[in-house]
């Protein structure tokens, strides 16, 4: 149950990427994957590799995934920015 909450939190944050320029590695799908994978891995890291069950859930469980989703999207953003070649106005 904890993994579902973490992934849904990442999905909720991913929706806000429409306000950013599309410089993510893999485009909007790269941002999506970065948010989901980052939220899931950060939740696992906090709980030392175990996934909490339904009885162990609270509102705090959703907040645990926020930093991971932001980090995951940040990695996708930086990876996408590195692949761009600077344009010198010569087209």
N, C-alpha and C. Protein backbone atom coordinates (compact mmCIF):
# COMPACT_ATOMS: atom_id res chain seq x y z
N UNK A 1 0.82 -1.20 0.00
CA UNK A 1 0.00 0.00 0.00
C UNK A 1 0.86 1.27 0.00
N UNK A 2 2.00 1.17 0.69
CA UNK A 2 2.88 2.33 0.74
C UNK A 2 3.43 2.69 -0.63
N UNK A 3 3.76 1.68 -1.44
CA UNK A 3 4.29 1.94 -2.77
C UNK A 3 3.26 2.67 -3.63
N UNK A 4 1.99 2.30 -3.48
CA UNK A 4 0.94 2.98 -4.25
C UNK A 4 0.85 4.45 -3.86
N UNK A 5 0.94 4.73 -2.58
CA UNK A 5 0.88 6.11 -2.12
C UNK A 5 2.07 6.91 -2.63
N UNK A 6 3.25 6.32 -2.58
CA UNK A 6 4.44 7.02 -3.06
C UNK A 6 4.35 7.33 -4.54
N UNK A 7 3.92 6.35 -5.32
CA UNK A 7 3.84 6.54 -6.77
C UNK A 7 2.75 7.56 -7.12
N UNK A 8 1.64 7.53 -6.42
CA UNK A 8 0.57 8.50 -6.70
C UNK A 8 1.00 9.92 -6.32
N UNK A 9 1.81 10.05 -5.29
CA UNK A 9 2.34 11.37 -4.94
C UNK A 9 3.27 11.87 -6.04
N UNK A 10 4.11 10.99 -6.56
CA UNK A 10 4.97 11.37 -7.68
C UNK A 10 4.17 11.76 -8.91
N UNK A 11 3.10 11.03 -9.15
CA UNK A 11 2.22 11.34 -10.28
C UNK A 11 1.57 12.71 -10.12
N UNK A 12 1.16 13.02 -8.89
CA UNK A 12 0.54 14.32 -8.64
C UNK A 12 1.53 15.46 -8.89
N UNK A 13 2.77 15.29 -8.47
CA UNK A 13 3.77 16.33 -8.71
C UNK A 13 4.13 16.45 -10.18
N UNK A 14 4.11 15.33 -10.88
CA UNK A 14 4.44 15.34 -12.31
C UNK A 14 3.50 16.25 -13.10
N UNK A 15 2.26 16.37 -12.67
CA UNK A 15 1.30 17.21 -13.39
C UNK A 15 1.74 18.67 -13.47
N UNK A 16 2.57 19.10 -12.53
CA UNK A 16 3.01 20.49 -12.54
C UNK A 16 4.14 20.75 -13.52
N UNK A 17 4.65 19.72 -14.18
CA UNK A 17 5.71 19.94 -15.16
C UNK A 17 5.22 20.61 -16.43
N UNK A 18 3.91 20.71 -16.60
CA UNK A 18 3.40 21.41 -17.78
C UNK A 18 3.74 22.90 -17.73
N UNK A 19 4.09 23.40 -16.55
CA UNK A 19 4.44 24.81 -16.42
C UNK A 19 5.92 25.07 -16.68
N UNK A 20 6.69 24.01 -16.92
CA UNK A 20 8.13 24.14 -17.15
C UNK A 20 8.45 23.94 -18.63
N UNK A 21 9.55 24.52 -19.11
CA UNK A 21 9.97 24.23 -20.49
C UNK A 21 10.31 22.75 -20.63
N UNK A 22 10.04 22.20 -21.79
CA UNK A 22 10.23 20.77 -22.00
C UNK A 22 11.69 20.48 -22.30
N UNK A 23 12.51 20.43 -21.25
CA UNK A 23 13.93 20.12 -21.40
C UNK A 23 14.27 18.81 -20.68
N UNK A 24 13.25 18.03 -20.35
CA UNK A 24 13.48 16.77 -19.67
C UNK A 24 14.04 15.74 -20.64
N UNK A 25 14.90 14.85 -20.14
CA UNK A 25 15.39 13.74 -20.94
C UNK A 25 14.21 12.84 -21.25
N UNK A 26 13.91 12.62 -22.50
CA UNK A 26 12.75 11.82 -22.89
C UNK A 26 11.46 12.61 -22.92
N UNK A 27 11.55 13.92 -22.81
CA UNK A 27 10.35 14.75 -22.87
C UNK A 27 9.49 14.60 -21.64
N UNK A 28 8.19 14.71 -21.83
CA UNK A 28 7.25 14.65 -20.72
C UNK A 28 7.20 13.25 -20.13
N UNK A 29 7.48 12.24 -20.94
CA UNK A 29 7.51 10.86 -20.44
C UNK A 29 8.73 10.66 -19.54
N UNK A 30 9.83 11.30 -19.85
CA UNK A 30 11.01 11.24 -18.99
C UNK A 30 10.75 11.88 -17.64
N UNK A 31 10.02 12.99 -17.64
CA UNK A 31 9.65 13.63 -16.38
C UNK A 31 8.72 12.73 -15.58
N UNK A 32 7.80 12.06 -16.27
CA UNK A 32 6.87 11.12 -15.64
C UNK A 32 7.63 9.98 -14.96
N UNK A 33 8.56 9.39 -15.69
CA UNK A 33 9.33 8.28 -15.14
C UNK A 33 10.24 8.75 -14.01
N UNK A 34 10.81 9.91 -14.15
CA UNK A 34 11.64 10.45 -13.08
C UNK A 34 10.87 10.66 -11.80
N UNK A 35 9.66 11.19 -11.91
CA UNK A 35 8.83 11.43 -10.72
C UNK A 35 8.42 10.11 -10.06
N UNK A 36 7.98 9.14 -10.85
CA UNK A 36 7.52 7.88 -10.27
C UNK A 36 8.66 7.08 -9.67
N UNK A 37 9.74 6.93 -10.41
CA UNK A 37 10.87 6.14 -9.91
C UNK A 37 11.53 6.83 -8.72
N UNK A 38 11.67 8.15 -8.80
CA UNK A 38 12.27 8.89 -7.68
C UNK A 38 11.45 8.79 -6.41
N UNK A 39 10.14 8.92 -6.53
CA UNK A 39 9.27 8.82 -5.35
C UNK A 39 9.33 7.42 -4.75
N UNK A 40 9.30 6.40 -5.60
CA UNK A 40 9.32 5.03 -5.11
C UNK A 40 10.65 4.70 -4.42
N UNK A 41 11.76 5.06 -5.06
CA UNK A 41 13.07 4.74 -4.48
C UNK A 41 13.33 5.52 -3.20
N UNK A 42 12.88 6.75 -3.12
CA UNK A 42 13.07 7.54 -1.90
C UNK A 42 12.23 6.97 -0.76
N UNK A 43 11.01 6.51 -1.08
CA UNK A 43 10.20 5.86 -0.05
C UNK A 43 10.85 4.60 0.46
N UNK A 44 11.41 3.81 -0.44
CA UNK A 44 12.13 2.60 -0.01
C UNK A 44 13.35 2.95 0.83
N UNK A 45 14.04 4.01 0.46
CA UNK A 45 15.22 4.43 1.21
C UNK A 45 14.85 4.84 2.63
N UNK A 46 13.76 5.57 2.78
CA UNK A 46 13.33 6.01 4.11
C UNK A 46 12.95 4.82 4.98
N UNK A 47 12.30 3.84 4.40
CA UNK A 47 11.83 2.67 5.16
C UNK A 47 12.83 1.51 5.12
N UNK A 48 14.04 1.77 4.68
CA UNK A 48 15.13 0.78 4.66
C UNK A 48 14.77 -0.48 3.90
N UNK A 49 14.14 -0.32 2.75
CA UNK A 49 13.87 -1.44 1.86
C UNK A 49 12.56 -2.16 2.09
N UNK A 50 11.76 -1.75 3.05
CA UNK A 50 10.46 -2.40 3.26
C UNK A 50 9.34 -1.46 2.84
N UNK A 51 8.25 -2.03 2.40
CA UNK A 51 7.09 -1.24 1.97
C UNK A 51 6.02 -1.35 3.05
N UNK A 52 5.59 -0.23 3.62
CA UNK A 52 4.58 -0.29 4.68
C UNK A 52 3.23 -0.80 4.17
N UNK A 53 2.54 -1.52 5.02
CA UNK A 53 1.23 -2.04 4.66
C UNK A 53 0.13 -1.04 4.96
N UNK A 54 -1.10 -1.48 4.81
CA UNK A 54 -2.25 -0.60 4.98
C UNK A 54 -2.38 -0.09 6.41
N UNK A 55 -2.05 -0.89 7.38
CA UNK A 55 -2.18 -0.47 8.78
C UNK A 55 -1.10 0.53 9.19
N UNK A 56 -0.03 0.60 8.44
CA UNK A 56 1.08 1.50 8.78
C UNK A 56 1.01 2.82 8.03
N UNK A 57 -0.07 3.09 7.32
CA UNK A 57 -0.17 4.28 6.48
C UNK A 57 -0.72 5.46 7.27
N UNK A 58 -0.24 6.64 6.91
CA UNK A 58 -0.74 7.89 7.45
C UNK A 58 -0.54 8.98 6.39
N UNK A 59 -0.92 10.18 6.71
CA UNK A 59 -0.73 11.29 5.78
C UNK A 59 0.76 11.54 5.55
N UNK A 60 1.55 11.22 6.54
CA UNK A 60 2.99 11.40 6.43
C UNK A 60 3.59 10.51 5.34
N UNK A 61 2.95 9.39 5.06
CA UNK A 61 3.45 8.48 4.02
C UNK A 61 3.46 9.15 2.66
N UNK A 62 2.48 9.98 2.39
CA UNK A 62 2.44 10.69 1.11
C UNK A 62 3.52 11.77 1.05
N UNK A 63 3.79 12.40 2.17
CA UNK A 63 4.80 13.46 2.20
C UNK A 63 6.21 12.91 2.08
N UNK A 64 6.40 11.62 2.40
CA UNK A 64 7.72 11.01 2.28
C UNK A 64 8.20 10.96 0.83
N UNK A 65 7.28 10.90 -0.11
CA UNK A 65 7.65 10.76 -1.51
C UNK A 65 7.96 12.09 -2.20
N UNK A 66 7.63 13.20 -1.59
CA UNK A 66 7.84 14.50 -2.23
C UNK A 66 9.30 14.76 -2.60
N UNK A 67 10.25 14.60 -1.68
CA UNK A 67 11.63 14.88 -2.09
C UNK A 67 12.13 13.95 -3.19
N UNK A 68 11.74 12.70 -3.14
CA UNK A 68 12.18 11.76 -4.17
C UNK A 68 11.65 12.10 -5.54
N UNK A 69 10.39 12.53 -5.61
CA UNK A 69 9.82 12.90 -6.90
C UNK A 69 10.51 14.14 -7.47
N UNK A 70 10.79 15.09 -6.61
CA UNK A 70 11.47 16.31 -7.07
C UNK A 70 12.90 15.98 -7.52
N UNK A 71 13.58 15.13 -6.78
CA UNK A 71 14.94 14.73 -7.16
C UNK A 71 14.91 13.97 -8.49
N UNK A 72 13.95 13.06 -8.64
CA UNK A 72 13.85 12.29 -9.88
C UNK A 72 13.59 13.16 -11.09
N UNK A 73 12.69 14.13 -10.93
CA UNK A 73 12.43 15.04 -12.05
C UNK A 73 13.62 15.96 -12.30
N UNK A 74 14.34 16.31 -11.23
CA UNK A 74 15.54 17.13 -11.39
C UNK A 74 16.62 16.41 -12.16
N UNK A 75 16.77 15.12 -11.90
CA UNK A 75 17.75 14.32 -12.64
C UNK A 75 17.36 14.25 -14.11
N UNK A 76 16.08 14.05 -14.39
CA UNK A 76 15.62 14.00 -15.78
C UNK A 76 15.80 15.36 -16.46
N UNK A 77 15.61 16.42 -15.73
CA UNK A 77 15.80 17.78 -16.27
C UNK A 77 17.27 18.01 -16.62
N UNK A 78 18.16 17.66 -15.69
CA UNK A 78 19.59 17.87 -15.94
C UNK A 78 20.11 16.98 -17.06
N UNK A 79 19.63 15.76 -17.12
CA UNK A 79 20.05 14.85 -18.19
C UNK A 79 19.56 15.36 -19.54
N UNK A 80 18.40 15.96 -19.58
CA UNK A 80 17.89 16.51 -20.85
C UNK A 80 18.61 17.76 -21.27
N UNK A 81 19.03 18.58 -20.32
CA UNK A 81 19.74 19.80 -20.64
C UNK A 81 21.14 19.55 -21.15
N UNK A 82 21.74 18.44 -20.72
CA UNK A 82 23.10 18.13 -21.17
C UNK A 82 23.13 17.69 -22.61
N UNK A 83 22.02 17.14 -23.11
CA UNK A 83 21.99 16.63 -24.48
C UNK A 83 21.77 17.69 -25.53
N UNK A 84 21.40 18.90 -25.10
CA UNK A 84 21.15 19.96 -26.06
C UNK A 84 22.45 20.61 -26.51
N UNK A 85 22.53 20.91 -27.78
CA UNK A 85 23.67 21.62 -28.31
C UNK A 85 23.31 23.10 -28.40
N UNK A 86 24.20 23.97 -27.99
CA UNK A 86 23.88 25.41 -28.06
C UNK A 86 23.75 25.87 -29.50
N UNK A 87 22.75 26.66 -29.75
CA UNK A 87 22.51 27.20 -31.08
C UNK A 87 23.22 28.55 -31.19
N UNK A 88 23.96 28.72 -32.26
CA UNK A 88 24.68 29.96 -32.46
C UNK A 88 24.01 30.84 -33.51
N UNK A 89 22.76 30.58 -33.74
CA UNK A 89 22.02 31.39 -34.70
C UNK A 89 22.26 31.01 -36.14
N UNK A 90 22.97 29.95 -36.41
CA UNK A 90 23.25 29.50 -37.76
C UNK A 90 22.30 28.37 -38.12
N UNK A 91 21.23 28.70 -38.79
CA UNK A 91 20.27 27.65 -39.17
C UNK A 91 20.18 27.54 -40.66
